[in-house]
């Protein structure tokens, strides 16, 4: 991935930075794509439906309301995500099967791990704006994730629309002591 979240934040004041302490899993530690969303509501049925659809390089954002006692995502769903072409998954909650997920060609960001799975029933909701970590994740907006964090770009922008060269040069001048900002 040619763009870093830090450079994009420096170059784009409108980038929203998720303020949650995510842990990275999977072989892809950096990924980006258009957002699709699923909200956990007493079960993972909606998530199962969505993950079985073609991902087309999109990023699935799962809002589990930071559910601390159940895993919302595991190796079976991660395998489906890889097979269906999802670029990555952001989980506002816990996951399980981290060893197996770490061996898969996908990026996953979650709040941590726990062995107990979430309830299977329940309808849930898909493709609606979800809000956590100070960010509204709107379906279709562009998400960029790497080891430094998760950001959402302003509507209609992609990494290639943001000119990071000036921001990188300004940071270098500042670090060298030649920029008085």
N, C-alpha and C. Protein backbone atom coordinates (compact mmCIF):
# COMPACT_ATOMS: atom_id res chain seq x y z
N UNK A 1 0.87 -1.18 0.00
CA UNK A 1 0.00 0.00 0.00
C UNK A 1 0.90 1.23 0.00
N UNK A 2 0.80 2.08 -1.01
CA UNK A 2 1.74 3.18 -1.15
C UNK A 2 1.49 4.37 -0.22
N UNK A 3 0.34 4.44 0.44
CA UNK A 3 0.04 5.59 1.28
C UNK A 3 -0.03 5.18 2.74
N UNK A 4 0.54 6.03 3.60
CA UNK A 4 0.51 5.78 5.04
C UNK A 4 -0.59 6.63 5.67
N UNK A 5 -1.23 6.08 6.69
CA UNK A 5 -2.29 6.83 7.37
C UNK A 5 -1.74 8.12 7.96
N UNK A 6 -0.51 8.09 8.44
CA UNK A 6 0.08 9.30 9.04
C UNK A 6 0.24 10.41 8.01
N UNK A 7 0.76 10.06 6.83
CA UNK A 7 0.94 11.07 5.77
C UNK A 7 -0.41 11.60 5.29
N UNK A 8 -1.39 10.70 5.16
CA UNK A 8 -2.72 11.13 4.72
C UNK A 8 -3.34 12.09 5.74
N UNK A 9 -3.16 11.82 7.03
CA UNK A 9 -3.69 12.72 8.07
C UNK A 9 -3.00 14.08 8.02
N UNK A 10 -1.69 14.07 7.81
CA UNK A 10 -0.95 15.34 7.73
C UNK A 10 -1.39 16.17 6.53
N UNK A 11 -1.74 15.50 5.43
CA UNK A 11 -2.07 16.20 4.19
C UNK A 11 -3.56 16.51 4.03
N UNK A 12 -4.40 15.88 4.83
CA UNK A 12 -5.85 16.05 4.66
C UNK A 12 -6.51 16.33 6.01
N UNK A 13 -6.82 17.59 6.24
CA UNK A 13 -7.44 17.97 7.52
C UNK A 13 -8.76 17.28 7.76
N UNK A 14 -9.45 16.87 6.71
CA UNK A 14 -10.76 16.26 6.85
C UNK A 14 -10.74 14.77 7.16
N UNK A 15 -9.56 14.17 7.21
CA UNK A 15 -9.48 12.74 7.53
C UNK A 15 -9.92 12.53 8.97
N UNK A 16 -10.82 11.57 9.18
CA UNK A 16 -11.28 11.22 10.52
C UNK A 16 -10.40 10.09 11.07
N UNK A 17 -9.91 10.24 12.28
CA UNK A 17 -9.04 9.24 12.89
C UNK A 17 -9.81 8.49 13.97
N UNK A 18 -9.89 7.16 13.82
CA UNK A 18 -10.55 6.35 14.83
C UNK A 18 -9.69 6.31 16.08
N UNK A 19 -10.29 6.62 17.22
CA UNK A 19 -9.55 6.76 18.47
C UNK A 19 -9.53 5.49 19.32
N UNK A 20 -9.75 4.34 18.71
CA UNK A 20 -9.73 3.08 19.46
C UNK A 20 -8.37 2.40 19.30
N UNK A 21 -7.93 1.68 20.32
CA UNK A 21 -6.62 1.01 20.29
C UNK A 21 -6.69 -0.36 19.61
N UNK A 22 -6.83 -0.37 18.29
CA UNK A 22 -6.96 -1.62 17.56
C UNK A 22 -5.67 -2.43 17.57
N UNK A 23 -5.84 -3.74 17.50
CA UNK A 23 -4.74 -4.69 17.33
C UNK A 23 -4.89 -5.25 15.92
N UNK A 24 -3.77 -5.43 15.22
CA UNK A 24 -3.81 -5.93 13.85
C UNK A 24 -3.63 -7.44 13.78
N UNK A 25 -4.37 -8.07 12.88
CA UNK A 25 -4.28 -9.51 12.63
C UNK A 25 -4.28 -9.74 11.13
N UNK A 26 -3.87 -10.93 10.72
CA UNK A 26 -3.84 -11.28 9.31
C UNK A 26 -2.53 -10.89 8.66
N UNK A 27 -2.32 -11.37 7.45
CA UNK A 27 -1.09 -11.09 6.72
C UNK A 27 -1.02 -9.67 6.19
N UNK A 28 -2.16 -9.04 5.97
CA UNK A 28 -2.19 -7.66 5.47
C UNK A 28 -2.27 -6.70 6.66
N UNK A 29 -1.17 -6.10 7.00
CA UNK A 29 -1.20 -5.15 8.12
C UNK A 29 -1.64 -3.77 7.66
N UNK A 30 -1.66 -3.55 6.34
CA UNK A 30 -2.15 -2.30 5.77
C UNK A 30 -3.14 -2.65 4.66
N UNK A 31 -4.27 -1.95 4.66
CA UNK A 31 -5.28 -2.19 3.64
C UNK A 31 -6.17 -0.96 3.53
N UNK A 32 -6.88 -0.88 2.41
CA UNK A 32 -7.78 0.25 2.17
C UNK A 32 -8.90 -0.22 1.26
N UNK A 33 -10.03 0.48 1.35
CA UNK A 33 -11.14 0.16 0.47
C UNK A 33 -12.38 0.94 0.86
N UNK A 34 -13.39 0.81 0.02
CA UNK A 34 -14.68 1.42 0.31
C UNK A 34 -15.33 0.66 1.46
N UNK A 35 -16.06 1.38 2.29
CA UNK A 35 -16.66 0.82 3.50
C UNK A 35 -18.00 0.15 3.21
N UNK A 36 -18.20 -1.02 3.80
CA UNK A 36 -19.51 -1.66 3.98
C UNK A 36 -19.65 -1.86 5.49
N UNK A 37 -20.84 -1.81 6.02
CA UNK A 37 -21.02 -1.91 7.47
C UNK A 37 -22.00 -3.00 7.86
N UNK A 38 -21.79 -3.52 9.07
CA UNK A 38 -22.71 -4.44 9.71
C UNK A 38 -22.76 -4.08 11.19
N UNK A 39 -23.95 -4.06 11.75
CA UNK A 39 -24.11 -3.78 13.19
C UNK A 39 -24.61 -5.05 13.87
N UNK A 40 -23.89 -5.45 14.91
CA UNK A 40 -24.28 -6.62 15.71
C UNK A 40 -25.49 -6.24 16.56
N UNK A 41 -26.56 -7.04 16.44
CA UNK A 41 -27.74 -6.87 17.29
C UNK A 41 -28.19 -8.25 17.72
N UNK A 42 -27.68 -8.71 18.85
CA UNK A 42 -28.05 -10.00 19.43
C UNK A 42 -27.80 -11.19 18.50
N UNK A 43 -26.86 -11.06 17.58
CA UNK A 43 -26.52 -12.16 16.70
C UNK A 43 -25.76 -11.69 15.47
N UNK A 44 -25.14 -12.65 14.79
CA UNK A 44 -24.27 -12.31 13.66
C UNK A 44 -24.88 -12.67 12.30
N UNK A 45 -26.18 -12.86 12.22
CA UNK A 45 -26.81 -13.25 10.96
C UNK A 45 -26.54 -12.25 9.84
N UNK A 46 -26.70 -10.96 10.09
CA UNK A 46 -26.46 -9.94 9.05
C UNK A 46 -25.01 -9.96 8.60
N UNK A 47 -24.11 -10.16 9.53
CA UNK A 47 -22.69 -10.23 9.20
C UNK A 47 -22.42 -11.43 8.29
N UNK A 48 -23.02 -12.55 8.59
CA UNK A 48 -22.84 -13.76 7.77
C UNK A 48 -23.33 -13.52 6.34
N UNK A 49 -24.46 -12.86 6.20
CA UNK A 49 -24.99 -12.55 4.87
C UNK A 49 -24.02 -11.65 4.11
N UNK A 50 -23.53 -10.61 4.75
CA UNK A 50 -22.66 -9.64 4.09
C UNK A 50 -21.32 -10.25 3.71
N UNK A 51 -20.71 -11.01 4.59
CA UNK A 51 -19.38 -11.59 4.32
C UNK A 51 -19.41 -12.60 3.19
N UNK A 52 -20.58 -13.15 2.91
CA UNK A 52 -20.73 -14.10 1.81
C UNK A 52 -20.95 -13.43 0.46
N UNK A 53 -21.07 -12.11 0.43
CA UNK A 53 -21.20 -11.37 -0.81
C UNK A 53 -19.81 -11.06 -1.37
N UNK A 54 -19.71 -10.83 -2.68
CA UNK A 54 -18.41 -10.42 -3.24
C UNK A 54 -17.93 -9.13 -2.58
N UNK A 55 -16.68 -9.14 -2.11
CA UNK A 55 -16.13 -7.98 -1.41
C UNK A 55 -15.58 -6.91 -2.32
N UNK A 56 -15.13 -7.28 -3.50
CA UNK A 56 -14.59 -6.31 -4.47
C UNK A 56 -13.56 -5.37 -3.85
N UNK A 57 -12.72 -5.88 -2.94
CA UNK A 57 -11.68 -5.05 -2.33
C UNK A 57 -12.18 -4.05 -1.32
N UNK A 58 -13.41 -4.23 -0.84
CA UNK A 58 -13.98 -3.33 0.15
C UNK A 58 -13.53 -3.72 1.56
N UNK A 59 -13.82 -2.83 2.51
CA UNK A 59 -13.50 -3.08 3.92
C UNK A 59 -14.82 -3.20 4.68
N UNK A 60 -14.95 -4.30 5.40
CA UNK A 60 -16.14 -4.53 6.22
C UNK A 60 -15.91 -3.95 7.61
N UNK A 61 -16.78 -3.05 8.03
CA UNK A 61 -16.71 -2.44 9.36
C UNK A 61 -17.85 -3.03 10.18
N UNK A 62 -17.48 -3.72 11.27
CA UNK A 62 -18.46 -4.38 12.14
C UNK A 62 -18.57 -3.59 13.44
N UNK A 63 -19.76 -3.09 13.72
CA UNK A 63 -19.98 -2.38 14.97
C UNK A 63 -20.61 -3.33 15.98
N UNK A 64 -19.79 -3.78 16.90
CA UNK A 64 -20.27 -4.65 17.96
C UNK A 64 -20.42 -3.91 19.26
N UNK A 65 -20.42 -2.57 19.20
CA UNK A 65 -20.54 -1.74 20.40
C UNK A 65 -19.50 -2.13 21.44
N UNK A 66 -18.30 -2.50 20.96
CA UNK A 66 -17.19 -2.90 21.83
C UNK A 66 -17.59 -4.02 22.78
N UNK A 67 -18.46 -4.91 22.33
CA UNK A 67 -18.92 -6.05 23.10
C UNK A 67 -17.72 -6.80 23.68
N UNK A 68 -17.51 -6.77 25.00
CA UNK A 68 -16.26 -7.30 25.55
C UNK A 68 -16.24 -8.80 25.83
N UNK A 69 -17.36 -9.45 25.80
CA UNK A 69 -17.40 -10.82 26.30
C UNK A 69 -17.67 -11.86 25.23
N UNK A 70 -17.79 -11.45 23.97
CA UNK A 70 -18.05 -12.39 22.88
C UNK A 70 -17.27 -11.97 21.63
N UNK A 71 -16.76 -12.95 20.90
CA UNK A 71 -16.05 -12.69 19.65
C UNK A 71 -17.04 -12.55 18.51
N UNK A 72 -16.92 -11.49 17.75
CA UNK A 72 -17.82 -11.21 16.63
C UNK A 72 -17.29 -11.75 15.31
N UNK A 73 -16.04 -12.18 15.29
CA UNK A 73 -15.39 -12.57 14.04
C UNK A 73 -14.33 -13.61 14.37
N UNK A 74 -14.22 -14.63 13.51
CA UNK A 74 -13.24 -15.68 13.73
C UNK A 74 -12.69 -16.22 12.42
N UNK A 75 -12.01 -17.36 12.52
CA UNK A 75 -11.33 -17.90 11.34
C UNK A 75 -12.26 -18.32 10.22
N UNK A 76 -13.45 -18.82 10.54
CA UNK A 76 -14.38 -19.23 9.48
C UNK A 76 -14.81 -18.01 8.67
N UNK A 77 -15.21 -16.94 9.36
CA UNK A 77 -15.62 -15.73 8.64
C UNK A 77 -14.43 -15.09 7.92
N UNK A 78 -13.25 -15.14 8.52
CA UNK A 78 -12.06 -14.59 7.85
C UNK A 78 -11.78 -15.36 6.57
N UNK A 79 -11.93 -16.68 6.59
CA UNK A 79 -11.74 -17.48 5.39
C UNK A 79 -12.75 -17.11 4.30
N UNK A 80 -14.00 -16.86 4.70
CA UNK A 80 -15.02 -16.42 3.74
C UNK A 80 -14.66 -15.04 3.17
N UNK A 81 -14.16 -14.16 4.02
CA UNK A 81 -13.77 -12.82 3.57
C UNK A 81 -12.66 -12.90 2.53
N UNK A 82 -11.69 -13.75 2.76
CA UNK A 82 -10.59 -13.92 1.80
C UNK A 82 -11.15 -14.48 0.49
N UNK A 83 -11.92 -15.54 0.57
CA UNK A 83 -12.48 -16.19 -0.61
C UNK A 83 -13.35 -15.24 -1.43
N UNK A 84 -14.05 -14.32 -0.76
CA UNK A 84 -14.96 -13.42 -1.44
C UNK A 84 -14.35 -12.07 -1.80
N UNK A 85 -13.05 -11.90 -1.56
CA UNK A 85 -12.36 -10.71 -2.05
C UNK A 85 -12.48 -9.45 -1.22
N UNK A 86 -12.66 -9.57 0.09
CA UNK A 86 -12.66 -8.40 0.97
C UNK A 86 -11.22 -8.00 1.25
N UNK A 87 -10.92 -6.70 1.30
CA UNK A 87 -9.56 -6.22 1.59
C UNK A 87 -9.24 -6.32 3.07
N UNK A 88 -10.25 -6.07 3.91
CA UNK A 88 -10.00 -6.07 5.34
C UNK A 88 -11.29 -5.97 6.12
N UNK A 89 -11.13 -6.08 7.44
CA UNK A 89 -12.25 -6.05 8.37
C UNK A 89 -11.84 -5.23 9.59
N UNK A 90 -12.71 -4.33 10.00
CA UNK A 90 -12.54 -3.55 11.23
C UNK A 90 -13.62 -4.02 12.19
N UNK A 91 -13.24 -4.41 13.41
CA UNK A 91 -14.21 -4.92 14.37
C UNK A 91 -14.18 -4.06 15.63
N UNK A 92 -15.28 -3.38 15.88
CA UNK A 92 -15.44 -2.66 17.15
C UNK A 92 -15.92 -3.69 18.16
N UNK A 93 -14.98 -4.51 18.60
CA UNK A 93 -15.25 -5.62 19.49
C UNK A 93 -14.10 -6.60 19.43
N UNK A 94 -14.38 -7.81 19.85
CA UNK A 94 -13.35 -8.84 19.95
C UNK A 94 -13.46 -9.85 18.81
N UNK A 95 -12.34 -10.55 18.55
CA UNK A 95 -12.32 -11.64 17.59
C UNK A 95 -11.77 -12.88 18.29
N UNK A 96 -11.76 -14.00 17.57
CA UNK A 96 -11.15 -15.22 18.09
C UNK A 96 -10.40 -15.90 16.94
N UNK A 97 -9.69 -16.97 17.24
CA UNK A 97 -8.93 -17.72 16.24
C UNK A 97 -7.83 -16.87 15.61
N UNK A 98 -7.14 -16.10 16.44
CA UNK A 98 -6.15 -15.16 15.91
C UNK A 98 -4.97 -15.85 15.20
N UNK A 99 -4.56 -17.01 15.64
CA UNK A 99 -3.46 -17.72 14.98
C UNK A 99 -3.84 -18.06 13.55
N UNK A 100 -5.06 -18.59 13.35
CA UNK A 100 -5.53 -18.94 12.01
C UNK A 100 -5.71 -17.69 11.15
N UNK A 101 -6.25 -16.62 11.72
CA UNK A 101 -6.43 -15.38 10.96
C UNK A 101 -5.09 -14.80 10.55
N UNK A 102 -4.10 -14.89 11.43
CA UNK A 102 -2.76 -14.37 11.10
C UNK A 102 -2.14 -15.06 9.89
N UNK A 103 -2.60 -16.24 9.54
CA UNK A 103 -2.07 -16.97 8.39
C UNK A 103 -2.83 -16.66 7.10
N UNK A 104 -3.87 -15.84 7.16
CA UNK A 104 -4.70 -15.55 5.99
C UNK A 104 -4.34 -14.22 5.34
N UNK A 105 -4.55 -14.13 4.02
CA UNK A 105 -4.25 -12.92 3.27
C UNK A 105 -5.40 -11.92 3.38
N UNK A 106 -5.51 -11.37 4.57
CA UNK A 106 -6.53 -10.35 4.86
C UNK A 106 -6.01 -9.50 6.01
N UNK A 107 -6.52 -8.29 6.11
CA UNK A 107 -6.21 -7.44 7.25
C UNK A 107 -7.40 -7.37 8.17
N UNK A 108 -7.16 -7.51 9.46
CA UNK A 108 -8.22 -7.43 10.46
C UNK A 108 -7.73 -6.54 11.60
N UNK A 109 -8.55 -5.60 11.99
CA UNK A 109 -8.28 -4.76 13.16
C UNK A 109 -9.42 -4.99 14.14
N UNK A 110 -9.07 -5.29 15.39
CA UNK A 110 -10.06 -5.53 16.43
C UNK A 110 -9.53 -5.02 17.75
N UNK A 111 -10.39 -5.02 18.77
CA UNK A 111 -9.98 -4.53 20.08
C UNK A 111 -9.23 -5.58 20.89
N UNK A 112 -9.26 -6.83 20.45
CA UNK A 112 -8.56 -7.90 21.15
C UNK A 112 -9.18 -9.24 20.81
N UNK A 113 -8.84 -10.24 21.62
CA UNK A 113 -9.34 -11.59 21.39
C UNK A 113 -10.02 -12.15 22.62
N UNK A 114 -10.93 -13.07 22.37
CA UNK A 114 -11.62 -13.81 23.43
C UNK A 114 -12.12 -15.10 22.80
N UNK A 115 -12.14 -16.24 23.52
CA UNK A 115 -12.50 -17.50 22.87
C UNK A 115 -13.99 -17.72 22.62
N UNK A 116 -14.86 -17.10 23.38
CA UNK A 116 -16.31 -17.37 23.24
C UNK A 116 -16.89 -16.59 22.07
N UNK A 117 -17.65 -17.29 21.19
CA UNK A 117 -18.25 -16.61 20.04
C UNK A 117 -19.52 -15.87 20.43
N UNK A 118 -19.89 -14.93 19.58
CA UNK A 118 -21.13 -14.19 19.75
C UNK A 118 -22.31 -15.08 19.41
N UNK A 119 -23.49 -14.66 19.81
CA UNK A 119 -24.70 -15.39 19.47
C UNK A 119 -24.86 -15.43 17.96
N UNK A 120 -25.35 -16.56 17.46
CA UNK A 120 -25.49 -16.75 16.02
C UNK A 120 -26.78 -16.12 15.49
N UNK A 121 -27.86 -16.21 16.23
CA UNK A 121 -29.15 -15.67 15.76
C UNK A 121 -29.14 -14.17 15.66
N UNK A 122 -30.27 -13.56 15.80
CA UNK A 122 -30.36 -12.10 15.76
C UNK A 122 -30.18 -11.57 14.35
N UNK A 123 -30.89 -10.55 14.01
CA UNK A 123 -30.87 -10.06 12.64
C UNK A 123 -29.71 -9.13 12.34
N UNK A 124 -29.45 -8.18 13.19
CA UNK A 124 -28.43 -7.19 12.89
C UNK A 124 -28.88 -6.27 11.75
N UNK A 125 -27.98 -5.37 11.36
CA UNK A 125 -28.28 -4.43 10.29
C UNK A 125 -27.05 -4.29 9.41
N UNK A 126 -27.27 -4.01 8.11
CA UNK A 126 -26.14 -3.81 7.21
C UNK A 126 -26.30 -2.51 6.43
N UNK A 127 -25.14 -1.98 6.01
CA UNK A 127 -25.04 -0.81 5.14
C UNK A 127 -25.76 0.43 5.69
N UNK A 128 -25.51 0.71 6.96
CA UNK A 128 -25.99 1.94 7.56
C UNK A 128 -24.78 2.62 8.21
N UNK A 129 -24.79 3.94 8.35
CA UNK A 129 -23.67 4.59 9.05
C UNK A 129 -23.57 4.07 10.49
N UNK A 130 -22.36 3.76 10.91
CA UNK A 130 -22.12 3.37 12.31
C UNK A 130 -21.07 4.32 12.88
N UNK A 131 -21.16 4.56 14.17
CA UNK A 131 -20.27 5.53 14.81
C UNK A 131 -19.59 4.89 16.02
N UNK A 132 -18.25 4.94 16.02
CA UNK A 132 -17.47 4.55 17.19
C UNK A 132 -16.08 5.12 17.07
N UNK A 133 -15.41 5.25 18.19
CA UNK A 133 -14.05 5.79 18.20
C UNK A 133 -13.95 7.20 17.65
N UNK A 134 -15.04 7.96 17.74
CA UNK A 134 -15.03 9.34 17.25
C UNK A 134 -15.20 9.48 15.74
N UNK A 135 -15.51 8.39 15.05
CA UNK A 135 -15.63 8.40 13.59
C UNK A 135 -16.98 7.84 13.17
N UNK A 136 -17.56 8.44 12.15
CA UNK A 136 -18.73 7.86 11.52
C UNK A 136 -18.26 7.12 10.28
N UNK A 137 -18.53 5.82 10.25
CA UNK A 137 -18.16 4.96 9.13
C UNK A 137 -19.37 4.88 8.21
N UNK A 138 -19.31 5.58 7.09
CA UNK A 138 -20.41 5.67 6.16
C UNK A 138 -20.16 4.73 4.98
N UNK A 139 -21.12 3.88 4.65
CA UNK A 139 -20.93 3.00 3.50
C UNK A 139 -20.54 3.80 2.25
N UNK A 140 -19.51 3.31 1.56
CA UNK A 140 -19.01 3.95 0.36
C UNK A 140 -17.82 4.86 0.59
N UNK A 141 -17.66 5.39 1.82
CA UNK A 141 -16.50 6.23 2.12
C UNK A 141 -15.24 5.38 2.07
N UNK A 142 -14.10 6.01 1.92
CA UNK A 142 -12.82 5.30 1.80
C UNK A 142 -12.15 5.18 3.16
N UNK A 143 -11.79 3.96 3.53
CA UNK A 143 -11.10 3.67 4.79
C UNK A 143 -9.67 3.25 4.48
N UNK A 144 -8.73 3.74 5.28
CA UNK A 144 -7.32 3.35 5.18
C UNK A 144 -6.89 2.87 6.55
N UNK A 145 -6.27 1.69 6.60
CA UNK A 145 -5.80 1.13 7.87
C UNK A 145 -4.37 0.64 7.71
N UNK A 146 -3.57 0.89 8.73
CA UNK A 146 -2.20 0.36 8.78
C UNK A 146 -1.82 0.22 10.24
N UNK A 147 -0.55 -0.05 10.50
CA UNK A 147 -0.12 -0.26 11.89
C UNK A 147 -0.28 0.98 12.76
N UNK A 148 -0.40 2.16 12.15
CA UNK A 148 -0.57 3.38 12.93
C UNK A 148 -2.03 3.67 13.28
N UNK A 149 -2.96 3.04 12.60
CA UNK A 149 -4.35 3.27 12.94
C UNK A 149 -5.30 3.13 11.77
N UNK A 150 -6.52 3.61 12.02
CA UNK A 150 -7.61 3.52 11.05
C UNK A 150 -8.13 4.93 10.81
N UNK A 151 -8.22 5.32 9.53
CA UNK A 151 -8.77 6.62 9.19
C UNK A 151 -9.84 6.46 8.12
N UNK A 152 -10.75 7.44 8.09
CA UNK A 152 -11.77 7.52 7.04
C UNK A 152 -11.56 8.85 6.34
N UNK A 153 -11.43 8.77 5.03
CA UNK A 153 -11.21 9.97 4.22
C UNK A 153 -12.54 10.67 3.96
N UNK A 154 -12.47 11.98 3.70
CA UNK A 154 -13.71 12.71 3.38
C UNK A 154 -14.40 12.08 2.17
N UNK A 155 -15.72 12.16 2.17
CA UNK A 155 -16.53 11.56 1.11
C UNK A 155 -16.02 12.00 -0.26
N UNK A 156 -15.85 11.03 -1.15
CA UNK A 156 -15.41 11.29 -2.51
C UNK A 156 -13.90 11.28 -2.72
N UNK A 157 -13.12 11.26 -1.64
CA UNK A 157 -11.66 11.25 -1.77
C UNK A 157 -11.11 9.84 -1.66
N UNK A 158 -10.03 9.60 -2.38
CA UNK A 158 -9.23 8.37 -2.23
C UNK A 158 -7.81 8.79 -1.93
N UNK A 159 -6.97 7.84 -1.61
CA UNK A 159 -5.57 8.15 -1.31
C UNK A 159 -4.90 8.89 -2.45
N UNK A 160 -5.20 8.50 -3.68
CA UNK A 160 -4.53 9.11 -4.83
C UNK A 160 -4.98 10.56 -5.07
N UNK A 161 -6.09 10.99 -4.48
CA UNK A 161 -6.54 12.38 -4.61
C UNK A 161 -5.87 13.31 -3.60
N UNK A 162 -5.15 12.76 -2.66
CA UNK A 162 -4.54 13.56 -1.59
C UNK A 162 -3.05 13.67 -1.86
N UNK A 163 -2.56 14.89 -1.97
CA UNK A 163 -1.15 15.13 -2.28
C UNK A 163 -0.35 15.16 -0.97
N UNK A 164 0.35 14.08 -0.71
CA UNK A 164 1.07 13.94 0.56
C UNK A 164 2.49 14.50 0.50
N UNK A 165 3.02 14.76 -0.68
CA UNK A 165 4.42 15.19 -0.80
C UNK A 165 4.72 16.45 0.00
N UNK A 166 3.84 17.46 -0.06
CA UNK A 166 4.07 18.70 0.69
C UNK A 166 4.04 18.45 2.19
N UNK A 167 3.14 17.60 2.65
CA UNK A 167 3.06 17.29 4.09
C UNK A 167 4.30 16.54 4.54
N UNK A 168 4.77 15.61 3.73
CA UNK A 168 5.99 14.86 4.08
C UNK A 168 7.19 15.80 4.15
N UNK A 169 7.30 16.72 3.18
CA UNK A 169 8.41 17.68 3.16
C UNK A 169 8.34 18.62 4.37
N UNK A 170 7.14 19.05 4.74
CA UNK A 170 6.98 19.94 5.90
C UNK A 170 7.40 19.23 7.18
N UNK A 171 7.04 17.97 7.30
CA UNK A 171 7.44 17.19 8.48
C UNK A 171 8.96 17.06 8.54
N UNK A 172 9.59 16.80 7.41
CA UNK A 172 11.05 16.68 7.36
C UNK A 172 11.72 17.99 7.74
N UNK A 173 11.18 19.12 7.23
CA UNK A 173 11.76 20.43 7.60
C UNK A 173 11.60 20.68 9.10
N UNK A 174 10.45 20.36 9.64
CA UNK A 174 10.20 20.55 11.07
C UNK A 174 11.17 19.71 11.90
N UNK A 175 11.33 18.45 11.52
CA UNK A 175 12.22 17.56 12.27
C UNK A 175 13.66 18.03 12.20
N UNK A 176 14.04 18.64 11.08
CA UNK A 176 15.41 19.15 10.92
C UNK A 176 15.61 20.49 11.63
N UNK A 177 14.51 21.07 12.12
CA UNK A 177 14.61 22.33 12.84
C UNK A 177 14.58 23.54 11.93
N UNK A 178 14.27 23.38 10.65
CA UNK A 178 14.25 24.51 9.74
C UNK A 178 12.86 25.07 9.50
N UNK A 179 11.85 24.50 10.13
CA UNK A 179 10.49 25.00 10.01
C UNK A 179 10.04 25.42 11.41
N UNK A 180 9.79 26.70 11.64
CA UNK A 180 9.50 27.18 13.01
C UNK A 180 8.12 26.84 13.52
N UNK A 181 7.28 26.10 12.78
CA UNK A 181 5.95 25.77 13.28
C UNK A 181 6.09 25.03 14.52
